[in-house]
């Protein structure tokens, strides 16, 4: 190492040359007329020419400032900006040109430092397009969507969520989900949030009530997941999707009331064939209470053995989107 230093401890020309060539950005040294006098390896790579081939070439011939620009740099001391990079398709570089002065203060030449930022600009453009797409999807989505901090504060909301809750976006961004959740539903929601943050579950979904800006409850189907840091796995924020199911619940309640009060037996079954609805008239007719019938296969309760194959075939057709075939005649079943 001592051999790399002069008597005063300054770096020797050899070591300076090593540093010059190891510099990752392209560096070109020019004389006062704008001709290249030296460059480093990064410049050779960027311009596709060797040091010997670049020597003596006028700067503007390789995309460097012309003489008029050099006069401006001599006056101002430096120049920086973005420039095209012809050696790379759609290439872009950032450049810095410095006037080099001798001991008397006179300009002795110029140093041009140039960095290829094509990849960074392309990445930034892709991210900008992705962000624009996300914003568009967020705004036109019929479902309420929100990004929420780990403390519960709304960080981003779309128009659909604003309509569901009756607040403007600016108002919601100053609030937390705890503030707009119905008090009776908050504990259950927070319990699931705790499990989500603890890694016990990846996401959760539940029906809950929000309180509208005008004070009335709004039933929603809420689905929540958590975004985590890609390296550490630590939670960063929540993503919430909110569907207004108030009308559906009200319709279901009205239907339940109609079914419960019907004088005829009403039996509902799921696509798999198990009982989902069994009103009081069905209890009287078939002798099973709702509690006894609920969740059991209808075929095991009231469908005659000789009719079970047709019943099961009808269920299959219904599950596959086909039209079930009806018997076309009255069917006798056991009843009280």
Protein backbone atom coordinates (compact mmCIF):
# COMPACT_ATOMS: atom_id res chain seq x y z
CA UNK A 1 0.00 0.00 0.00
CA UNK A 2 2.90 2.35 0.73
CA UNK A 3 3.98 1.94 -2.89
CA UNK A 4 0.68 3.47 -3.95
CA UNK A 5 1.39 6.76 -2.22
CA UNK A 6 3.73 9.59 -3.07
CA UNK A 7 6.12 11.27 -0.62
CA UNK A 8 3.34 13.46 0.77
CA UNK A 9 0.96 10.53 1.16
CA UNK A 10 -1.02 11.49 -1.97
CA UNK A 11 -2.42 8.76 -4.22
CA UNK A 12 -0.11 7.77 -7.07
CA UNK A 13 -1.22 8.07 -10.68
CA UNK A 14 -1.49 4.29 -10.89
CA UNK A 15 -3.92 4.09 -8.00
CA UNK A 16 -5.91 7.07 -9.27
CA UNK A 17 -6.20 5.26 -12.60
CA UNK A 18 -7.50 2.14 -10.84
CA UNK A 19 -10.14 4.19 -9.02
CA UNK A 20 -11.04 5.97 -12.28
CA UNK A 21 -11.58 2.67 -14.10
CA UNK A 22 -13.47 1.08 -11.19
CA UNK A 23 -15.99 3.95 -11.02
CA UNK A 24 -19.41 2.48 -12.01
CA UNK A 25 -20.60 5.54 -13.96
CA UNK A 26 -19.21 6.50 -17.34
CA UNK A 27 -16.59 9.29 -16.98
CA UNK A 28 -15.22 11.16 -20.02
CA UNK A 29 -12.50 13.82 -19.82
CA UNK A 30 -12.46 16.46 -22.58
CA UNK A 31 -10.10 19.28 -23.51
CA UNK A 32 -11.24 22.87 -23.93
CA UNK A 33 -12.22 22.24 -27.55
CA UNK A 34 -14.54 19.43 -26.53
CA UNK A 35 -12.40 16.54 -27.78
CA UNK A 36 -12.19 13.36 -25.70
CA UNK A 37 -8.81 12.92 -24.05
CA UNK A 38 -9.58 10.03 -21.71
CA UNK A 39 -12.42 7.87 -20.38
CA UNK A 40 -12.95 4.99 -17.99
CA UNK A 41 -14.09 1.42 -18.67
CA UNK A 42 -17.72 2.23 -17.92
CA UNK A 43 -17.62 4.85 -20.70
CA UNK A 44 -16.13 2.31 -23.12
CA UNK A 45 -19.04 -0.01 -22.34
CA UNK A 46 -21.67 2.72 -22.61
CA UNK A 47 -20.45 4.11 -25.96
CA UNK A 48 -19.36 0.77 -27.42
CA UNK A 49 -15.87 2.06 -28.24
CA UNK A 50 -12.45 1.57 -26.73
CA UNK A 51 -10.49 4.34 -25.03
CA UNK A 52 -8.24 4.56 -28.09
CA UNK A 53 -11.21 4.84 -30.44
CA UNK A 54 -12.79 7.61 -28.36
CA UNK A 55 -9.59 9.65 -28.00
CA UNK A 56 -9.73 12.81 -30.12
CA UNK A 57 -13.41 12.39 -31.00
CA UNK A 58 -15.47 15.56 -30.70
CA UNK A 59 -17.83 15.31 -27.75
CA UNK A 60 -21.03 15.89 -29.72
CA UNK A 61 -20.23 12.90 -31.92
CA UNK A 62 -20.82 10.58 -28.97
CA UNK A 63 -23.78 12.40 -27.47
CA UNK A 64 -21.81 14.82 -25.30
CA UNK A 65 -22.24 18.63 -25.14
CA UNK A 66 -21.25 20.62 -28.23
CA UNK A 67 -19.02 23.66 -28.15
CA UNK A 68 -21.83 26.09 -27.40
CA UNK A 69 -22.89 24.00 -24.42
CA UNK A 70 -19.28 23.92 -23.18
CA UNK A 71 -19.16 27.71 -23.20
CA UNK A 72 -22.27 27.72 -21.00
CA UNK A 73 -20.69 25.20 -18.64
CA UNK A 74 -17.51 27.32 -18.52
CA UNK A 75 -19.62 30.24 -17.38
CA UNK A 76 -21.84 28.36 -14.90
CA UNK A 77 -19.31 25.79 -13.68
CA UNK A 78 -21.51 22.72 -14.26
CA UNK A 79 -24.54 21.33 -16.04
CA UNK A 80 -26.81 18.37 -15.29
CA UNK A 81 -29.86 16.79 -16.86
CA UNK A 82 -31.36 13.83 -18.69
CA UNK A 83 -30.07 12.94 -22.14
CA UNK A 84 -30.84 10.23 -24.71
CA UNK A 85 -28.62 7.15 -24.74
CA UNK A 86 -28.38 6.11 -28.43
CA UNK A 87 -26.47 2.90 -27.69
CA UNK A 88 -29.51 1.48 -25.79
CA UNK A 89 -33.04 1.10 -27.27
CA UNK A 90 -35.17 3.86 -25.72
CA UNK A 91 -32.12 4.60 -23.60
CA UNK A 92 -32.05 7.41 -21.05
CA UNK A 93 -29.10 8.67 -19.00
CA UNK A 94 -28.54 11.33 -16.39
CA UNK A 95 -25.44 13.41 -16.98
CA UNK A 96 -23.29 15.84 -15.06
CA UNK A 97 -20.66 17.99 -16.82
CA UNK A 98 -18.12 19.89 -14.73
CA UNK A 99 -15.65 22.53 -15.85
CA UNK A 100 -12.10 21.60 -14.68
CA UNK A 101 -9.87 24.55 -13.81
CA UNK A 102 -6.14 24.87 -13.37
CA UNK A 103 -4.28 26.62 -10.55
CA UNK A 104 -4.92 30.02 -12.16
CA UNK A 105 -8.67 29.44 -12.38
CA UNK A 106 -8.69 29.00 -16.13
CA UNK A 107 -10.77 26.19 -17.66
CA UNK A 108 -8.39 23.36 -18.52
CA UNK A 109 -11.03 20.86 -19.67
CA UNK A 110 -14.28 19.18 -18.78
CA UNK A 111 -15.39 16.02 -16.99
CA UNK A 112 -18.58 14.31 -18.07
CA UNK A 113 -20.20 11.77 -15.72
CA UNK A 114 -23.02 9.77 -17.24
CA UNK A 115 -25.27 7.09 -15.71
CA UNK A 116 -27.60 4.77 -17.62
CA UNK A 117 -31.02 4.98 -15.96
CA UNK A 118 -32.99 3.22 -18.71
CA UNK A 119 -33.92 0.27 -16.49
CA UNK A 120 -34.88 2.52 -13.58
CA UNK A 121 -37.07 4.69 -15.82
CA UNK A 122 -38.73 1.60 -17.31
CA UNK A 123 -39.40 0.23 -13.83
CA UNK A 124 -40.80 3.59 -12.72
CA UNK A 125 -43.04 3.67 -15.80
CA UNK A 126 -44.33 0.16 -15.08
CA UNK A 127 -45.03 1.09 -11.48
CA UNK A 128 -46.82 4.25 -12.60
CA UNK A 129 -48.98 2.23 -15.01
CA UNK A 130 -49.72 -0.33 -12.30
CA UNK A 131 -50.62 2.45 -9.87
CA UNK A 132 -52.91 4.06 -12.45
CA UNK A 133 -54.57 0.69 -13.12
CA UNK A 134 -55.01 0.12 -9.38
CA UNK A 135 -56.55 3.57 -8.93
CA UNK A 136 -58.95 2.96 -11.81
CA UNK A 137 -59.98 -0.48 -10.52
CA UNK A 138 -60.36 0.93 -7.03
CA UNK A 139 -62.67 3.69 -8.16
CA UNK A 140 -64.91 1.70 -10.52
CA UNK A 141 -65.23 -1.41 -8.34
CA UNK A 142 -68.83 -1.95 -7.15
CA UNK A 143 -67.49 -3.36 -3.87
CA UNK A 144 -66.19 -1.07 -1.15
CA UNK A 145 -62.40 -1.33 -0.92
CA UNK A 146 -59.98 0.13 1.60
CA UNK A 147 -56.37 0.04 2.69
CA UNK A 148 -56.24 0.26 6.47
CA UNK A 149 -53.31 0.81 8.82
CA UNK A 150 -52.51 -1.71 11.54
CA UNK A 151 -54.07 0.72 14.02
CA UNK A 152 -57.31 0.73 12.03
CA UNK A 153 -57.03 4.10 10.27
CA UNK A 154 -58.35 4.30 6.72
CA UNK A 155 -55.45 5.07 4.37
CA UNK A 156 -57.22 4.70 1.07
CA UNK A 157 -60.89 4.24 0.20
CA UNK A 158 -62.93 4.01 -2.98
CA UNK A 159 -66.21 5.57 -4.01
CA UNK A 160 -68.23 2.44 -3.29
CA UNK A 161 -67.14 2.43 0.36
CA UNK A 162 -67.96 6.12 0.65
CA UNK A 163 -71.48 5.39 -0.65
CA UNK A 164 -71.94 2.50 1.77
CA UNK A 165 -70.89 4.54 4.81
CA UNK A 166 -72.20 7.96 3.74
CA UNK A 167 -68.87 9.77 4.27
CA UNK A 168 -66.63 11.53 1.79
CA UNK A 169 -63.17 10.10 1.12
CA UNK A 170 -61.56 13.00 3.03
CA UNK A 171 -63.77 12.31 6.03
CA UNK A 172 -63.02 8.58 6.08
CA UNK A 173 -59.27 9.16 5.76
CA UNK A 174 -59.44 10.95 9.09
CA UNK A 175 -61.27 8.06 10.79
CA UNK A 176 -60.70 4.48 11.92
CA UNK A 177 -62.82 1.42 11.18
CA UNK A 178 -63.44 1.18 14.94
CA UNK A 179 -65.25 4.52 14.81
CA UNK A 180 -67.68 3.42 12.10
CA UNK A 181 -68.27 -0.14 13.36
CA UNK A 182 -71.48 -0.83 15.30
CA UNK A 183 -70.52 -1.11 19.01
CA UNK A 184 -72.16 -4.54 19.33
CA UNK A 185 -70.03 -5.94 16.47
CA UNK A 186 -66.67 -4.38 17.34
CA UNK A 187 -65.37 -7.01 19.76
CA UNK A 188 -65.86 -9.87 17.29
CA UNK A 189 -64.13 -7.93 14.53
CA UNK A 190 -61.16 -6.99 16.75
CA UNK A 191 -60.79 -10.61 17.85
CA UNK A 192 -60.36 -11.69 14.22
CA UNK A 193 -57.93 -8.82 13.60
CA UNK A 194 -55.82 -10.05 16.52
CA UNK A 195 -55.75 -13.59 15.07
CA UNK A 196 -54.85 -12.20 11.65
CA UNK A 197 -51.93 -10.18 13.02
CA UNK A 198 -50.77 -13.18 15.06
CA UNK A 199 -50.56 -15.35 11.96
CA UNK A 200 -53.28 -17.77 13.12
CA UNK A 201 -55.34 -17.03 9.99
CA UNK A 202 -54.52 -15.56 6.56
CA UNK A 203 -57.83 -13.77 6.09
CA UNK A 204 -61.30 -13.58 7.57
CA UNK A 205 -64.83 -12.84 6.47
CA UNK A 206 -67.88 -11.97 8.52
CA UNK A 207 -71.20 -10.16 8.45
CA UNK A 208 -71.17 -7.07 10.64
CA UNK A 209 -72.77 -3.70 10.97
CA UNK A 210 -71.29 -0.31 10.26
CA UNK A 211 -72.96 2.87 11.42
CA UNK A 212 -73.88 5.12 8.49
CA UNK A 213 -73.04 8.82 8.66
CA UNK A 214 -76.76 9.45 9.20
CA UNK A 215 -76.80 7.15 12.20
CA UNK A 216 -78.55 4.01 10.96
CA UNK A 217 -76.94 0.54 10.85
CA UNK A 218 -75.62 -0.87 7.56
CA UNK A 219 -75.13 -4.62 7.28
CA UNK A 220 -72.06 -5.62 5.27
CA UNK A 221 -70.12 -8.70 4.29
CA UNK A 222 -66.55 -7.84 5.29
CA UNK A 223 -63.49 -9.68 3.96
CA UNK A 224 -60.05 -8.75 5.31
CA UNK A 225 -56.51 -9.86 4.59
CA UNK A 226 -53.14 -8.46 5.66
CA UNK A 227 -50.23 -7.31 3.51
CA UNK A 228 -46.85 -8.35 4.88
CA UNK A 229 -43.28 -7.24 4.22
CA UNK A 230 -41.78 -9.51 1.60
CA UNK A 231 -38.50 -9.93 3.50
CA UNK A 232 -39.47 -9.98 7.18
CA UNK A 233 -43.09 -11.15 6.96
CA UNK A 234 -44.16 -8.39 9.33
CA UNK A 235 -47.72 -7.06 8.84
CA UNK A 236 -47.83 -3.70 7.08
CA UNK A 237 -51.49 -2.90 6.41
CA UNK A 238 -54.92 -4.45 5.93
CA UNK A 239 -56.86 -4.78 2.70
CA UNK A 240 -60.62 -4.78 3.24
CA UNK A 241 -63.47 -5.54 0.84
CA UNK A 242 -66.96 -4.44 1.92
CA UNK A 243 -70.24 -5.52 0.33
CA UNK A 244 -73.52 -3.93 1.42
CA UNK A 245 -75.87 -6.80 2.26
CA UNK A 246 -78.54 -4.77 4.07
CA UNK A 247 -81.14 -5.27 1.33
CA UNK A 248 -80.37 -8.98 1.13
CA UNK A 249 -80.75 -9.41 4.89
CA UNK A 250 -84.01 -7.47 4.91
CA UNK A 251 -85.35 -9.59 2.05
CA UNK A 252 -84.27 -12.73 3.88
CA UNK A 253 -86.00 -11.57 7.04
CA UNK A 254 -89.20 -10.84 5.11
CA UNK A 255 -89.03 -14.24 3.40
CA UNK A 256 -88.42 -15.96 6.73
CA UNK A 257 -91.45 -14.21 8.19
CA UNK A 258 -93.59 -15.28 5.21
CA UNK A 259 -92.35 -18.87 5.43
CA UNK A 260 -92.87 -19.02 9.19
CA UNK A 261 -96.45 -17.79 8.89
CA UNK A 262 -97.40 -19.85 5.84
CA UNK A 263 -100.28 -22.30 6.29
CA UNK A 264 -98.68 -24.69 3.78
CA UNK A 265 -95.59 -26.73 4.54
CA UNK A 266 -92.48 -24.98 3.19
CA UNK A 267 -89.23 -26.94 3.01
CA UNK A 268 -85.93 -25.52 1.72
CA UNK A 269 -82.93 -27.59 0.73
CA UNK A 270 -79.35 -26.78 -0.19
CA UNK A 271 -77.83 -28.00 -3.49
CA UNK A 272 -76.28 -30.89 -1.55
CA UNK A 273 -79.76 -31.99 -0.48
CA UNK A 274 -79.81 -31.13 3.21
CA UNK A 275 -82.65 -29.16 4.82
CA UNK A 276 -82.14 -25.42 5.26
CA UNK A 277 -85.72 -24.33 5.96
CA UNK A 278 -88.60 -26.11 7.72
CA UNK A 279 -91.56 -24.04 8.80
CA UNK A 280 -94.21 -24.64 11.44
CA UNK A 281 -96.63 -26.13 8.89
CA UNK A 282 -93.92 -28.63 7.85
CA UNK A 283 -93.48 -29.53 11.52
CA UNK A 284 -97.21 -30.24 11.81
CA UNK A 285 -97.41 -32.14 8.54
CA UNK A 286 -94.33 -34.35 8.78
CA UNK A 287 -93.93 -34.65 12.53
CA UNK A 288 -90.33 -33.44 12.71
CA UNK A 289 -89.44 -30.24 14.55
CA UNK A 290 -87.31 -27.67 12.73
CA UNK A 291 -84.38 -28.55 14.98
CA UNK A 292 -84.74 -32.24 14.08
CA UNK A 293 -85.03 -31.63 10.35
CA UNK A 294 -82.46 -28.85 9.90
CA UNK A 295 -79.23 -30.09 8.31
CA UNK A 296 -80.52 -33.59 7.52
CA UNK A 297 -80.87 -34.94 4.00
CA UNK A 298 -84.42 -34.52 2.77
CA UNK A 299 -84.33 -37.94 1.12
CA UNK A 300 -83.87 -39.59 4.51
CA UNK A 301 -86.81 -37.69 6.01
CA UNK A 302 -89.78 -37.66 3.68
CA UNK A 303 -88.81 -38.84 0.16
CA UNK A 304 -90.25 -42.34 -0.51
CA UNK A 305 -87.57 -44.95 -1.33
CA UNK A 306 -88.85 -45.46 -4.87
CA UNK A 307 -88.58 -41.69 -5.50
CA UNK A 308 -85.07 -41.20 -4.07
CA UNK A 309 -83.13 -41.91 -7.32
CA UNK A 310 -85.21 -39.30 -9.15
CA UNK A 311 -84.80 -36.88 -6.23
CA UNK A 312 -80.99 -37.29 -6.22
CA UNK A 313 -80.87 -36.96 -10.02
CA UNK A 314 -82.81 -33.71 -9.75
CA UNK A 315 -80.31 -32.38 -7.21
CA UNK A 316 -77.42 -33.31 -9.49
CA UNK A 317 -78.98 -31.55 -12.46
CA UNK A 318 -79.62 -28.47 -10.36
CA UNK A 319 -76.01 -28.35 -9.12
CA UNK A 320 -74.76 -28.56 -12.70
CA UNK A 321 -77.01 -25.74 -13.86
CA UNK A 322 -79.53 -27.94 -15.66
CA UNK A 323 -83.29 -27.80 -15.27
CA UNK A 324 -84.44 -30.50 -12.81
CA UNK A 325 -87.18 -32.74 -14.14
CA UNK A 326 -90.41 -32.62 -12.13
CA UNK A 327 -92.40 -35.82 -11.56
CA UNK A 328 -95.38 -34.46 -13.46
CA UNK A 329 -97.79 -36.14 -11.06
CA UNK A 330 -98.60 -35.97 -7.33
CA UNK A 331 -96.17 -37.83 -5.09
CA UNK A 332 -97.27 -39.40 -1.84
CA UNK A 333 -94.99 -38.97 1.17
CA UNK A 334 -95.35 -40.12 4.75
CA UNK A 335 -96.93 -37.51 6.99
CA UNK A 336 -98.87 -37.29 10.19
